[in-house]
């Protein structure tokens, strides 16, 4: 095998092994949102997240409020067994609290690591592991919170390998 073939082989392996694209450090602005706060067992996420989003979108329609971005999950803290998070959607104007839906916001952060994961939701756990490893390799210390923005998913395609989720991890200021 020539040196060029070996380099190509290594490039292909590296690309196949990485679950993430476009890793970068950015800053974010606060974004007003409509949210439902939940503290649930981790395994309940697939069952409860979709209906929570439906409830939010129903309230937005009822109130005539326009969403200004895709759905997200903002995790206030990570625990292996329990998800303490907000299911949310950014909005163009304030939402009036109704039922479980409350006004909230994605907070501003001066330093946030961001990456894009493409694939089924079942792969998000390993993607976060890779992402957190990259954050630490870059010399950063992550905060306890994190969020996922669901750029495209089952509403866009029946092929989970095409679903895109942006991962965000706030960083402690140096």
Protein backbone atom coordinates (compact mmCIF):
# COMPACT_ATOMS: atom_id res chain seq x y z
CA UNK A 1 0.00 0.00 0.00
CA UNK A 2 1.41 3.38 -1.01
CA UNK A 3 1.71 6.33 1.40
CA UNK A 4 -1.14 8.09 -0.44
CA UNK A 5 -3.40 5.02 -0.10
CA UNK A 6 -2.59 4.79 3.63
CA UNK A 7 -3.41 8.50 4.13
CA UNK A 8 -6.69 8.05 2.24
CA UNK A 9 -7.49 4.96 4.33
CA UNK A 10 -6.87 6.89 7.56
CA UNK A 11 -9.00 9.82 6.31
CA UNK A 12 -11.90 7.49 5.47
CA UNK A 13 -11.71 5.76 8.87
CA UNK A 14 -11.58 9.10 10.69
CA UNK A 15 -14.57 10.45 8.76
CA UNK A 16 -16.58 7.27 9.37
CA UNK A 17 -15.75 7.20 13.07
CA UNK A 18 -16.74 10.81 13.74
CA UNK A 19 -20.45 11.30 14.35
CA UNK A 20 -20.16 15.09 14.31
CA UNK A 21 -19.67 17.90 11.82
CA UNK A 22 -18.85 21.59 12.18
CA UNK A 23 -17.45 21.58 15.74
CA UNK A 24 -16.86 25.16 16.86
CA UNK A 25 -16.90 27.59 19.78
CA UNK A 26 -19.49 30.39 19.47
CA UNK A 27 -21.44 32.86 21.59
CA UNK A 28 -25.25 32.82 21.77
CA UNK A 29 -27.93 35.44 22.39
CA UNK A 30 -30.96 34.88 24.59
CA UNK A 31 -33.99 33.69 22.60
CA UNK A 32 -37.54 33.96 23.96
CA UNK A 33 -39.31 30.61 23.92
CA UNK A 34 -42.41 28.65 24.80
CA UNK A 35 -41.46 25.74 27.06
CA UNK A 36 -42.72 22.84 29.12
CA UNK A 37 -40.43 21.93 32.03
CA UNK A 38 -40.15 18.21 32.80
CA UNK A 39 -38.19 16.03 35.18
CA UNK A 40 -38.55 12.46 33.93
CA UNK A 41 -36.79 9.12 33.87
CA UNK A 42 -34.36 9.04 30.95
CA UNK A 43 -36.16 6.14 29.26
CA UNK A 44 -39.42 8.17 29.17
CA UNK A 45 -37.97 10.84 26.82
CA UNK A 46 -39.12 9.19 23.54
CA UNK A 47 -42.63 8.73 24.93
CA UNK A 48 -43.13 12.19 26.49
CA UNK A 49 -41.11 14.64 24.38
CA UNK A 50 -43.26 14.53 21.22
CA UNK A 51 -46.57 15.09 23.05
CA UNK A 52 -45.01 18.02 24.98
CA UNK A 53 -44.02 19.65 21.69
CA UNK A 54 -47.51 19.07 20.30
CA UNK A 55 -48.92 20.80 23.40
CA UNK A 56 -46.58 23.77 22.87
CA UNK A 57 -47.48 24.09 19.17
CA UNK A 58 -51.21 23.85 20.03
CA UNK A 59 -50.80 26.77 22.46
CA UNK A 60 -48.84 28.78 19.90
CA UNK A 61 -51.66 28.29 17.35
CA UNK A 62 -54.32 29.17 19.93
CA UNK A 63 -52.46 32.35 20.90
CA UNK A 64 -51.46 33.31 17.36
CA UNK A 65 -47.76 33.18 18.30
CA UNK A 66 -45.30 32.28 15.54
CA UNK A 67 -42.36 29.97 16.23
CA UNK A 68 -39.02 31.42 15.16
CA UNK A 69 -36.98 28.23 15.07
CA UNK A 70 -37.03 24.46 15.41
CA UNK A 71 -37.87 22.51 18.56
CA UNK A 72 -35.22 22.00 21.23
CA UNK A 73 -34.52 20.27 24.53
CA UNK A 74 -32.65 22.39 27.10
CA UNK A 75 -31.21 20.17 29.84
CA UNK A 76 -30.63 22.06 33.07
CA UNK A 77 -28.48 19.28 34.47
CA UNK A 78 -27.43 15.84 33.31
CA UNK A 79 -28.00 12.75 35.39
CA UNK A 80 -27.61 9.24 33.97
CA UNK A 81 -31.10 8.27 35.15
CA UNK A 82 -33.14 11.50 35.15
CA UNK A 83 -33.64 14.23 32.56
CA UNK A 84 -34.40 17.66 34.08
CA UNK A 85 -35.13 19.75 31.00
CA UNK A 86 -37.36 22.08 29.04
CA UNK A 87 -38.97 21.03 25.77
CA UNK A 88 -39.19 24.26 23.84
CA UNK A 89 -39.58 26.29 20.69
CA UNK A 90 -38.21 29.79 20.15
CA UNK A 91 -40.93 32.36 19.46
CA UNK A 92 -41.27 35.66 17.62
CA UNK A 93 -43.45 37.21 20.37
CA UNK A 94 -44.14 36.38 24.02
CA UNK A 95 -46.35 33.43 24.91
CA UNK A 96 -48.95 33.66 27.67
CA UNK A 97 -48.66 30.81 30.19
CA UNK A 98 -51.44 28.25 29.67
CA UNK A 99 -51.64 24.72 31.01
CA UNK A 100 -48.10 23.35 31.18
CA UNK A 101 -46.78 25.84 28.59
CA UNK A 102 -44.76 28.71 30.04
CA UNK A 103 -42.71 31.61 28.72
CA UNK A 104 -39.01 30.76 28.80
CA UNK A 105 -35.81 31.41 26.94
CA UNK A 106 -32.68 29.83 25.63
CA UNK A 107 -30.14 31.80 27.69
CA UNK A 108 -27.25 33.83 26.33
CA UNK A 109 -23.77 32.37 26.78
CA UNK A 110 -20.41 33.98 25.98
CA UNK A 111 -18.80 30.63 25.09
CA UNK A 112 -20.68 27.64 23.73
CA UNK A 113 -19.33 24.58 21.97
CA UNK A 114 -21.54 23.59 19.04
CA UNK A 115 -21.55 20.61 16.67
CA UNK A 116 -23.98 18.97 14.28
CA UNK A 117 -24.95 15.31 14.61
CA UNK A 118 -26.60 13.55 11.67
CA UNK A 119 -28.43 10.32 12.37
CA UNK A 120 -31.20 8.69 14.41
CA UNK A 121 -32.04 9.99 17.87
CA UNK A 122 -30.78 6.72 19.38
CA UNK A 123 -27.25 7.85 18.41
CA UNK A 124 -27.40 11.08 20.42
CA UNK A 125 -25.88 9.50 23.55
CA UNK A 126 -22.69 8.40 21.78
CA UNK A 127 -22.62 11.71 19.84
CA UNK A 128 -22.64 13.61 23.15
CA UNK A 129 -19.81 11.41 24.40
CA UNK A 130 -17.72 12.27 21.35
CA UNK A 131 -18.66 15.94 21.61
CA UNK A 132 -17.77 16.22 25.31
CA UNK A 133 -14.46 14.48 24.56
CA UNK A 134 -13.71 17.09 21.88
CA UNK A 135 -14.62 19.94 24.28
CA UNK A 136 -12.14 18.62 26.86
CA UNK A 137 -9.44 17.96 24.23
CA UNK A 138 -9.76 21.63 23.24
CA UNK A 139 -9.02 22.61 26.85
CA UNK A 140 -12.52 23.75 27.84
CA UNK A 141 -14.60 22.94 30.90
CA UNK A 142 -18.30 22.39 30.17
CA UNK A 143 -21.09 23.76 32.34
CA UNK A 144 -23.75 21.39 33.65
CA UNK A 145 -26.44 22.52 31.18
CA UNK A 146 -26.66 21.64 27.50
CA UNK A 147 -29.19 21.71 24.70
CA UNK A 148 -30.15 20.02 21.45
CA UNK A 149 -31.88 21.75 18.52
CA UNK A 150 -33.73 19.39 16.21
CA UNK A 151 -32.97 20.89 12.79
CA UNK A 152 -34.63 18.05 10.87
CA UNK A 153 -36.24 14.83 12.04
CA UNK A 154 -39.23 12.57 11.44
CA UNK A 155 -41.32 15.52 10.25
CA UNK A 156 -38.79 16.06 7.42
CA UNK A 157 -37.83 12.53 6.39
CA UNK A 158 -38.68 8.90 7.13
CA UNK A 159 -34.95 8.11 6.86
CA UNK A 160 -33.37 8.60 10.33
CA UNK A 161 -29.87 8.64 8.85
CA UNK A 162 -30.68 12.12 7.45
CA UNK A 163 -31.98 13.69 10.68
CA UNK A 164 -29.88 16.63 11.93
CA UNK A 165 -29.48 17.74 15.53
CA UNK A 166 -27.28 20.63 16.66
CA UNK A 167 -25.60 20.02 20.02
CA UNK A 168 -24.75 22.94 22.31
CA UNK A 169 -22.62 22.84 25.45
CA UNK A 170 -22.04 26.08 27.41
CA UNK A 171 -18.45 26.49 28.63
CA UNK A 172 -17.19 27.89 31.89
CA UNK A 173 -15.46 31.22 31.32
CA UNK A 174 -11.68 30.95 31.55
